PDB file of N, CA and C in Angstrom:
ATOM      1  N   MET A   1     124.039 150.064-109.703  1.00  0.00           N
ATOM      2  CA  MET A   1     125.459 149.905-109.540  1.00  0.00           C
ATOM      3  C   MET A   1     125.740 148.572-108.844  1.00  0.00           C
ATOM      4  N   VAL A   2     126.836 147.939-109.211  1.00  0.00           N
ATOM      5  CA  VAL A   2     127.243 146.665-108.632  1.00  0.00           C
ATOM      6  C   VAL A   2     128.635 146.845-108.046  1.00  0.00           C
ATOM      7  N   GLY A   3     128.836 146.340-106.835  1.00  0.00           N
ATOM      8  CA  GLY A   3     130.154 146.339-106.213  1.00  0.00           C
ATOM      9  C   GLY A   3     130.688 144.920-106.168  1.00  0.00           C
ATOM     10  N   VAL A   4     131.983 144.775-106.375  1.00  0.00           N
ATOM     11  CA  VAL A   4     132.618 143.453-106.351  1.00  0.00           C
ATOM     12  C   VAL A   4     133.687 143.455-105.263  1.00  0.00           C
ATOM     13  N   VAL A   5     133.663 142.416-104.420  1.00  0.00           N
ATOM     14  CA  VAL A   5     134.641 142.287-103.345  1.00  0.00           C
ATOM     15  C   VAL A   5     135.231 140.886-103.393  1.00  0.00           C
ATOM     16  N   GLY A   6     136.533 140.793-103.333  1.00  0.00           N
ATOM     17  CA  GLY A   6     137.215 139.505-103.330  1.00  0.00           C
ATOM     18  C   GLY A   6     137.629 139.126-101.920  1.00  0.00           C
ATOM     19  N   PHE A   7     138.398 138.028-101.821  1.00  0.00           N
ATOM     20  CA  PHE A   7     138.863 137.572-100.523  1.00  0.00           C
ATOM     21  C   PHE A   7     140.318 137.174-100.619  1.00  0.00           C
ATOM     22  N   ASP A   8     141.139 137.689 -99.774  1.00  0.00           N
ATOM     23  CA  ASP A   8     142.539 137.361 -99.483  1.00  0.00           C
ATOM     24  C   ASP A   8     143.470 138.541 -99.688  1.00  0.00           C
ATOM     25  N   ASP A   9     143.019 139.609-100.303  1.00  0.00           N
ATOM     26  CA  ASP A   9     143.815 140.825-100.478  1.00  0.00           C
ATOM     27  C   ASP A   9     145.167 140.538-101.124  1.00  0.00           C
ATOM     28  N   SER A  10     145.155 139.731-102.167  1.00  0.00           N
ATOM     29  CA  SER A  10     146.398 139.427-102.885  1.00  0.00           C
ATOM     30  C   SER A  10     146.851 140.645-103.684  1.00  0.00           C
ATOM     31  N   SER A  11     148.094 140.631-104.122  1.00  0.00           N
ATOM     32  CA  SER A  11     148.614 141.736-104.929  1.00  0.00           C
ATOM     33  C   SER A  11     147.852 141.848-106.249  1.00  0.00           C
ATOM     34  N   TRP A  12     147.273 140.763-106.689  1.00  0.00           N
ATOM     35  CA  TRP A  12     146.470 140.758-107.915  1.00  0.00           C
ATOM     36  C   TRP A  12     145.315 141.744-107.808  1.00  0.00           C
ATOM     37  N   ALA A  13     144.714 141.852-106.611  1.00  0.00           N
ATOM     38  CA  ALA A  13     143.563 142.737-106.411  1.00  0.00           C
ATOM     39  C   ALA A  13     143.914 144.190-106.700  1.00  0.00           C
ATOM     40  N   GLN A  14     145.148 144.572-106.460  1.00  0.00           N
ATOM     41  CA  GLN A  14     145.572 145.951-106.709  1.00  0.00           C
ATOM     42  C   GLN A  14     145.857 146.204-108.181  1.00  0.00           C
ATOM     43  N   ARG A  15     146.144 145.138-108.939  1.00  0.00           N
ATOM     44  CA  ARG A  15     146.470 145.296-110.358  1.00  0.00           C
ATOM     45  C   ARG A  15     145.239 145.277-111.251  1.00  0.00           C
ATOM     46  N   CYS A  16     144.085 144.916-110.697  1.00  0.00           N
ATOM     47  CA  CYS A  16     142.844 144.900-111.483  1.00  0.00           C
ATOM     48  C   CYS A  16     142.433 146.312-111.839  1.00  0.00           C
ATOM     49  N   TYR A  17     141.559 146.412-112.818  1.00  0.00           N
ATOM     50  CA  TYR A  17     140.958 147.710-113.107  1.00  0.00           C
ATOM     51  C   TYR A  17     139.456 147.549-113.090  1.00  0.00           C
ATOM     52  N   PRO A  18     138.770 148.223-112.206  1.00  0.00           N
ATOM     53  CA  PRO A  18     139.316 149.047-111.130  1.00  0.00           C
ATOM     54  C   PRO A  18     139.915 148.160-110.039  1.00  0.00           C
ATOM     55  N   PRO A  19     140.779 148.722-109.185  1.00  0.00           N
ATOM     56  CA  PRO A  19     141.356 147.931-108.095  1.00  0.00           C
ATOM     57  C   PRO A  19     140.254 147.273-107.263  1.00  0.00           C
ATOM     58  N   LEU A  20     140.442 145.991-106.951  1.00  0.00           N
ATOM     59  CA  LEU A  20     139.421 145.174-106.305  1.00  0.00           C
ATOM     60  C   LEU A  20     139.416 145.339-104.789  1.00  0.00           C
ATOM     61  N   SER A  21     138.266 145.682-104.241  1.00  0.00           N
ATOM     62  CA  SER A  21     138.096 145.674-102.787  1.00  0.00           C
ATOM     63  C   SER A  21     138.140 144.224-102.326  1.00  0.00           C
ATOM     64  N   THR A  22     138.766 143.979-101.176  1.00  0.00           N
ATOM     65  CA  THR A  22     138.902 142.601-100.707  1.00  0.00           C
ATOM     66  C   THR A  22     138.808 142.523 -99.191  1.00  0.00           C
ATOM     67  N   VAL A  23     138.631 141.306 -98.710  1.00  0.00           N
ATOM     68  CA  VAL A  23     138.731 141.030 -97.283  1.00  0.00           C
ATOM     69  C   VAL A  23     140.150 140.517 -97.066  1.00  0.00           C
ATOM     70  N   HIS A  24     140.883 141.172 -96.185  1.00  0.00           N
ATOM     71  CA  HIS A  24     142.274 140.792 -95.925  1.00  0.00           C
ATOM     72  C   HIS A  24     142.313 139.499 -95.114  1.00  0.00           C
ATOM     73  N   GLN A  25     143.024 138.511 -95.624  1.00  0.00           N
ATOM     74  CA  GLN A  25     143.198 137.240 -94.903  1.00  0.00           C
ATOM     75  C   GLN A  25     144.545 137.269 -94.200  1.00  0.00           C
ATOM     76  N   PRO A  26     144.563 137.204 -92.874  1.00  0.00           N
ATOM     77  CA  PRO A  26     145.827 137.291 -92.137  1.00  0.00           C
ATOM     78  C   PRO A  26     146.594 135.964 -92.168  1.00  0.00           C
ATOM     79  N   ALA A  27     147.214 135.657 -93.303  1.00  0.00           N
ATOM     80  CA  ALA A  27     147.873 134.365 -93.493  1.00  0.00           C
ATOM     81  C   ALA A  27     148.960 134.109 -92.453  1.00  0.00           C
ATOM     82  N   ALA A  28     149.772 135.109 -92.147  1.00  0.00           N
ATOM     83  CA  ALA A  28     150.835 134.908 -91.153  1.00  0.00           C
ATOM     84  C   ALA A  28     150.234 134.599 -89.782  1.00  0.00           C
ATOM     85  N   GLY A  29     149.188 135.310 -89.420  1.00  0.00           N
ATOM     86  CA  GLY A  29     148.528 135.066 -88.143  1.00  0.00           C
ATOM     87  C   GLY A  29     147.908 133.681 -88.062  1.00  0.00           C
ATOM     88  N   LEU A  30     147.339 133.221 -89.188  1.00  0.00           N
ATOM     89  CA  LEU A  30     146.762 131.872 -89.224  1.00  0.00           C
ATOM     90  C   LEU A  30     147.843 130.820 -89.012  1.00  0.00           C
ATOM     91  N   GLY A  31     148.980 130.995 -89.695  1.00  0.00           N
ATOM     92  CA  GLY A  31     150.091 130.042 -89.550  1.00  0.00           C
ATOM     93  C   GLY A  31     150.670 130.034 -88.145  1.00  0.00           C
ATOM     94  N   GLU A  32     150.825 131.231 -87.574  1.00  0.00           N
ATOM     95  CA  GLU A  32     151.363 131.323 -86.216  1.00  0.00           C
ATOM     96  C   GLU A  32     150.453 130.628 -85.212  1.00  0.00           C
ATOM     97  N   ARG A  33     149.151 130.858 -85.337  1.00  0.00           N
ATOM     98  CA  ARG A  33     148.198 130.248 -84.398  1.00  0.00           C
ATOM     99  C   ARG A  33     148.182 128.730 -84.561  1.00  0.00           C
ATOM    100  N   ALA A  34     148.203 128.250 -85.803  1.00  0.00           N
ATOM    101  CA  ALA A  34     148.211 126.807 -86.051  1.00  0.00           C
ATOM    102  C   ALA A  34     149.467 126.169 -85.452  1.00  0.00           C
ATOM    103  N   ALA A  35     150.636 126.795 -85.665  1.00  0.00           N
ATOM    104  CA  ALA A  35     151.889 126.259 -85.128  1.00  0.00           C
ATOM    105  C   ALA A  35     151.857 126.250 -83.599  1.00  0.00           C
ATOM    106  N   GLU A  36     151.331 127.308 -83.014  1.00  0.00           N
ATOM    107  CA  GLU A  36     151.234 127.383 -81.558  1.00  0.00           C
ATOM    108  C   GLU A  36     150.398 126.231 -81.002  1.00  0.00           C
ATOM    109  N   LEU A  37     149.270 125.953 -81.641  1.00  0.00           N
ATOM    110  CA  LEU A  37     148.400 124.879 -81.162  1.00  0.00           C
ATOM    111  C   LEU A  37     149.047 123.507 -81.320  1.00  0.00           C
ATOM    112  N   VAL A  38     149.765 123.287 -82.416  1.00  0.00           N
ATOM    113  CA  VAL A  38     150.443 122.006 -82.623  1.00  0.00           C
ATOM    114  C   VAL A  38     151.532 121.807 -81.569  1.00  0.00           C
ATOM    115  N   VAL A  39     152.324 122.844 -81.308  1.00  0.00           N
ATOM    116  CA  VAL A  39     153.395 122.746 -80.309  1.00  0.00           C
ATOM    117  C   VAL A  39     152.799 122.455 -78.932  1.00  0.00           C
ATOM    118  N   ARG A  40     151.697 123.104 -78.605  1.00  0.00           N
ATOM    119  CA  ARG A  40     151.055 122.855 -77.314  1.00  0.00           C
ATOM    120  C   ARG A  40     150.563 121.412 -77.205  1.00  0.00           C
ATOM    121  N   GLN A  41     150.007 120.893 -78.288  1.00  0.00           N
ATOM    122  CA  GLN A  41     149.541 119.500 -78.283  1.00  0.00           C
ATOM    123  C   GLN A  41     150.713 118.546 -78.136  1.00  0.00           C
ATOM    124  N   LEU A  42     151.805 118.802 -78.837  1.00  0.00           N
ATOM    125  CA  LEU A  42     152.983 117.947 -78.737  1.00  0.00           C
ATOM    126  C   LEU A  42     153.586 117.965 -77.337  1.00  0.00           C
ATOM    127  N   ALA A  43     153.410 119.073 -76.633  1.00  0.00           N
ATOM    128  CA  ALA A  43     153.906 119.190 -75.263  1.00  0.00           C
ATOM    129  C   ALA A  43     152.950 118.564 -74.254  1.00  0.00           C
ATOM    130  N   GLY A  44     151.848 117.993 -74.745  1.00  0.00           N
ATOM    131  CA  GLY A  44     150.904 117.322 -73.875  1.00  0.00           C
ATOM    132  C   GLY A  44     149.870 118.233 -73.234  1.00  0.00           C
ATOM    133  N   GLU A  45     149.809 119.483 -73.668  1.00  0.00           N
ATOM    134  CA  GLU A  45     148.835 120.419 -73.116  1.00  0.00           C
ATOM    135  C   GLU A  45     147.462 120.179 -73.735  1.00  0.00           C
ATOM    136  N   ASP A  46     146.447 120.479 -72.960  1.00  0.00           N
ATOM    137  CA  ASP A  46     145.093 120.440 -73.494  1.00  0.00           C
ATOM    138  C   ASP A  46     144.867 121.689 -74.334  1.00  0.00           C
ATOM    139  N   VAL A  47     144.339 121.469 -75.503  1.00  0.00           N
ATOM    140  CA  VAL A  47     143.993 122.588 -76.387  1.00  0.00           C
ATOM    141  C   VAL A  47     142.476 122.646 -76.453  1.00  0.00           C
ATOM    142  N   PRO A  48     141.898 123.785 -76.081  1.00  0.00           N
ATOM    143  CA  PRO A  48     140.439 123.869 -76.067  1.00  0.00           C
ATOM    144  C   PRO A  48     139.854 123.679 -77.464  1.00  0.00           C
ATOM    145  N   PRO A  49     138.730 122.972 -77.549  1.00  0.00           N
ATOM    146  CA  PRO A  49     138.092 122.800 -78.858  1.00  0.00           C
ATOM    147  C   PRO A  49     137.518 124.133 -79.329  1.00  0.00           C
ATOM    148  N   GLY A  50     137.243 124.187 -80.590  1.00  0.00           N
ATOM    149  CA  GLY A  50     136.668 125.410 -81.147  1.00  0.00           C
ATOM    150  C   GLY A  50     137.657 126.082 -82.067  1.00  0.00           C
ATOM    151  N   GLY A  51     137.292 127.210 -82.539  1.00  0.00           N
ATOM    152  CA  GLY A  51     138.126 127.908 -83.501  1.00  0.00           C
ATOM    153  C   GLY A  51     138.785 129.138 -82.916  1.00  0.00           C
ATOM    154  N   THR A  52     139.511 129.791 -83.759  1.00  0.00           N
ATOM    155  CA  THR A  52     140.173 131.041 -83.411  1.00  0.00           C
ATOM    156  C   THR A  52     139.683 132.098 -84.382  1.00  0.00           C
ATOM    157  N   ILE A  53     139.326 133.234 -83.860  1.00  0.00           N
ATOM    158  CA  ILE A  53     138.873 134.332 -84.717  1.00  0.00           C
ATOM    159  C   ILE A  53     139.988 135.360 -84.808  1.00  0.00           C
ATOM    160  N   LEU A  54     140.410 135.631 -86.024  1.00  0.00           N
ATOM    161  CA  LEU A  54     141.430 136.643 -86.272  1.00  0.00           C
ATOM    162  C   LEU A  54     140.790 137.807 -87.018  1.00  0.00           C
ATOM    163  N   GLU A  55     141.307 138.987 -86.805  1.00  0.00           N
ATOM    164  CA  GLU A  55     140.779 140.157 -87.480  1.00  0.00           C
ATOM    165  C   GLU A  55     140.996 140.027 -88.994  1.00  0.00           C
ATOM    166  N   SER A  56     139.944 140.272 -89.751  1.00  0.00           N
ATOM    167  CA  SER A  56     139.991 140.195 -91.217  1.00  0.00           C
ATOM    168  C   SER A  56     139.317 141.439 -91.791  1.00  0.00           C
ATOM    169  N   PRO A  57     140.029 142.559 -91.793  1.00  0.00           N
ATOM    170  CA  PRO A  57     139.403 143.813 -92.220  1.00  0.00           C
ATOM    171  C   PRO A  57     139.122 143.848 -93.720  1.00  0.00           C
ATOM    172  N   VAL A  58     138.120 144.624 -94.081  1.00  0.00           N
ATOM    173  CA  VAL A  58     137.830 144.863 -95.495  1.00  0.00           C
ATOM    174  C   VAL A  58     138.764 145.959 -95.978  1.00  0.00           C
ATOM    175  N   VAL A  59     139.397 145.741 -97.124  1.00  0.00           N
ATOM    176  CA  VAL A  59     140.271 146.722 -97.741  1.00  0.00           C
ATOM    177  C   VAL A  59     139.472 147.332 -98.903  1.00  0.00           C
ATOM    178  N   TRP A  60     138.973 148.524 -98.691  1.00  0.00           N
ATOM    179  CA  TRP A  60     138.115 149.170 -99.694  1.00  0.00           C
ATOM    180  C   TRP A  60     138.948 149.779-100.793  1.00  0.00           C
ATOM    181  N   ARG A  61     138.617 149.410-102.022  1.00  0.00           N
ATOM    182  CA  ARG A  61     139.247 150.009-103.205  1.00  0.00           C
ATOM    183  C   ARG A  61     138.122 150.445-104.141  1.00  0.00           C
ATOM    184  N   GLU A  62     138.418 150.673-105.371  1.00  0.00           N
ATOM    185  CA  GLU A  62     137.456 151.282-106.286  1.00  0.00           C
ATOM    186  C   GLU A  62     136.342 150.353-106.778  1.00  0.00           C
ATOM    187  N   SER A  63     136.441 149.052-106.561  1.00  0.00           N
ATOM    188  CA  SER A  63     135.444 148.133-107.116  1.00  0.00           C
ATOM    189  C   SER A  63     134.153 148.082-106.285  1.00  0.00           C
ATOM    190  N   ALA A  64     134.176 148.635-105.090  1.00  0.00           N
ATOM    191  CA  ALA A  64     132.966 148.629-104.258  1.00  0.00           C
ATOM    192  C   ALA A  64     132.952 149.842-103.359  1.00  0.00           C
TER     193      ALA A  64
END
């Protein structure tokens, strides 16, 4: 048996047959964090180097 998993949890994944399991990409959270960091930089604040980890749960459907 083979399982298929996509990435971004788009509405397309639900329309596939069988419905595609995916990793949910928190697009709104990514945008909010990016905007927050830009505003802080513009205000002259130090922004720590490195990345931000946001929760990206797997959405299990019939493909896996």
